[in-house]
Amino acid sequence: MRLRQIGVSNIADVKTATLEPNGQIGYELTESARPVTVGDLERIFGLKPGMSLDQSIIPPQSIPNCNKGIPMYGQFMNSA
């Protein structure tokens, strides 16, 4: 129950857990269950620290087109 109270919904997401002397539970999540950090996003998008997405190597005009291969995208856009 205490893991759920701190946001862990699946015990399989916990790599290690410890019961601290003060009664609190310490835990480490598996790599696939950890939240994404700014550093992760910088690495994924090839950004240098301090660089914004506007300055990244991703051409802004390619972002609106990224969903065009999804069949429902065209239907949704045509009905709007």
C-alpha atoms as a PDB file:
ATOM      1  CA  MET A   1       0.000   0.000   0.000  1.00  0.00           C
ATOM      2  CA  ARG A   2       2.807   2.448   0.756  1.00  0.00           C
ATOM      3  CA  LEU A   3       4.289   2.013  -2.715  1.00  0.00           C
ATOM      4  CA  ARG A   4       0.933   2.950  -4.249  1.00  0.00           C
ATOM      5  CA  GLN A   5       0.801   6.031  -2.050  1.00  0.00           C
ATOM      6  CA  ILE A   6       4.098   7.239  -3.520  1.00  0.00           C
ATOM      7  CA  GLY A   7       3.049   6.557  -7.120  1.00  0.00           C
ATOM      8  CA  VAL A   8       4.298   3.020  -7.814  1.00  0.00           C
ATOM      9  CA  SER A   9       1.390   1.079  -9.301  1.00  0.00           C
ATOM     10  CA  ASN A  10       3.228  -2.101 -10.338  1.00  0.00           C
ATOM     11  CA  ILE A  11       5.648  -3.958  -8.063  1.00  0.00           C
ATOM     12  CA  ALA A  12       7.497  -5.172 -11.184  1.00  0.00           C
ATOM     13  CA  ASP A  13       8.590  -1.540 -11.734  1.00  0.00           C
ATOM     14  CA  VAL A  14      10.635  -1.631  -8.502  1.00  0.00           C
ATOM     15  CA  LYS A  15      14.263  -2.674  -8.927  1.00  0.00           C
ATOM     16  CA  THR A  16      15.107  -2.558  -5.207  1.00  0.00           C
ATOM     17  CA  ALA A  17      13.263  -1.468  -2.078  1.00  0.00           C
ATOM     18  CA  THR A  18      14.471  -0.910   1.480  1.00  0.00           C
ATOM     19  CA  LEU A  19      12.763  -0.282   4.761  1.00  0.00           C
ATOM     20  CA  GLU A  20      14.494   2.719   6.296  1.00  0.00           C
ATOM     21  CA  PRO A  21      15.118   3.024  10.073  1.00  0.00           C
ATOM     22  CA  ASN A  22      12.487   5.776  10.263  1.00  0.00           C
ATOM     23  CA  GLY A  23       9.824   3.429   8.822  1.00  0.00           C
ATOM     24  CA  GLN A  24       9.806   4.976   5.353  1.00  0.00           C
ATOM     25  CA  ILE A  25      10.239   2.866   2.215  1.00  0.00           C
ATOM     26  CA  GLY A  26      13.144   3.674  -0.062  1.00  0.00           C
ATOM     27  CA  TYR A  27      12.972   2.360  -3.617  1.00  0.00           C
ATOM     28  CA  GLU A  28      14.702   2.417  -6.977  1.00  0.00           C
ATOM     29  CA  LEU A  29      12.657   2.027 -10.147  1.00  0.00           C
ATOM     30  CA  THR A  30      13.699  -0.127 -13.082  1.00  0.00           C
ATOM     31  CA  GLU A  31      15.077   1.805 -16.040  1.00  0.00           C
ATOM     32  CA  SER A  32      11.885   1.393 -18.080  1.00  0.00           C
ATOM     33  CA  ALA A  33       9.726   2.734 -15.222  1.00  0.00           C
ATOM     34  CA  ARG A  34      11.760   5.857 -14.422  1.00  0.00           C
ATOM     35  CA  PRO A  35      10.340   9.258 -15.373  1.00  0.00           C
ATOM     36  CA  VAL A  36      11.901  11.040 -18.328  1.00  0.00           C
ATOM     37  CA  THR A  37      14.372  13.758 -17.349  1.00  0.00           C
ATOM     38  CA  VAL A  38      15.515  16.868 -19.187  1.00  0.00           C
ATOM     39  CA  GLY A  39      18.825  15.087 -19.779  1.00  0.00           C
ATOM     40  CA  ASP A  40      17.002  12.164 -21.403  1.00  0.00           C
ATOM     41  CA  LEU A  41      15.171  14.530 -23.762  1.00  0.00           C
ATOM     42  CA  GLU A  42      18.390  16.348 -24.641  1.00  0.00           C
ATOM     43  CA  ARG A  43      19.993  13.026 -25.501  1.00  0.00           C
ATOM     44  CA  ILE A  44      16.959  11.803 -27.517  1.00  0.00           C
ATOM     45  CA  PHE A  45      16.626  14.985 -29.544  1.00  0.00           C
ATOM     46  CA  GLY A  46      20.356  15.560 -29.891  1.00  0.00           C
ATOM     47  CA  LEU A  47      20.243  18.857 -28.018  1.00  0.00           C
ATOM     48  CA  LYS A  48      23.167  20.477 -26.326  1.00  0.00           C
ATOM     49  CA  PRO A  49      22.576  21.477 -22.678  1.00  0.00           C
ATOM     50  CA  GLY A  50      20.748  24.808 -22.554  1.00  0.00           C
ATOM     51  CA  MET A  51      19.505  24.549 -26.155  1.00  0.00           C
ATOM     52  CA  SER A  52      15.737  24.737 -26.645  1.00  0.00           C
ATOM     53  CA  LEU A  53      13.705  22.553 -29.002  1.00  0.00           C
ATOM     54  CA  ASP A  54      13.317  25.618 -31.234  1.00  0.00           C
ATOM     55  CA  GLN A  55      17.079  25.578 -31.770  1.00  0.00           C
ATOM     56  CA  SER A  56      17.325  21.806 -32.241  1.00  0.00           C
ATOM     57  CA  ILE A  57      18.066  19.854 -35.383  1.00  0.00           C
ATOM     58  CA  ILE A  58      14.389  18.916 -35.806  1.00  0.00           C
ATOM     59  CA  PRO A  59      12.941  21.063 -38.605  1.00  0.00           C
ATOM     60  CA  PRO A  60       9.759  22.711 -37.259  1.00  0.00           C
ATOM     61  CA  GLN A  61       7.887  22.012 -40.496  1.00  0.00           C
ATOM     62  CA  SER A  62       8.304  18.234 -39.989  1.00  0.00           C
ATOM     63  CA  ILE A  63       6.522  18.176 -36.625  1.00  0.00           C
ATOM     64  CA  PRO A  64       2.929  18.696 -37.938  1.00  0.00           C
ATOM     65  CA  ASN A  65       3.466  15.935 -40.525  1.00  0.00           C
ATOM     66  CA  CYS A  66       4.572  13.246 -38.079  1.00  0.00           C
ATOM     67  CA  ASN A  67       1.065  11.734 -37.687  1.00  0.00           C
ATOM     68  CA  LYS A  68       0.052  11.623 -41.354  1.00  0.00           C
ATOM     69  CA  GLY A  69       0.863   7.898 -41.606  1.00  0.00           C
ATOM     70  CA  ILE A  70      -1.811   7.117 -39.015  1.00  0.00           C
ATOM     71  CA  PRO A  71      -5.142   6.266 -40.745  1.00  0.00           C
ATOM     72  CA  MET A  72      -7.328   8.083 -38.190  1.00  0.00           C
ATOM     73  CA  TYR A  73      -5.282  11.285 -38.526  1.00  0.00           C
ATOM     74  CA  GLY A  74      -6.688  12.147 -41.959  1.00  0.00           C
ATOM     75  CA  GLN A  75     -10.265  11.415 -40.908  1.00  0.00           C
ATOM     76  CA  PHE A  76      -9.908  13.556 -37.806  1.00  0.00           C
ATOM     77  CA  MET A  77      -8.322  16.458 -39.676  1.00  0.00           C
ATOM     78  CA  ASN A  78     -10.928  16.345 -42.473  1.00  0.00           C
ATOM     79  CA  SER A  79     -13.825  16.408 -40.003  1.00  0.00           C
ATOM     80  CA  ALA A  80     -12.491  19.450 -38.145  1.00  0.00           C
END
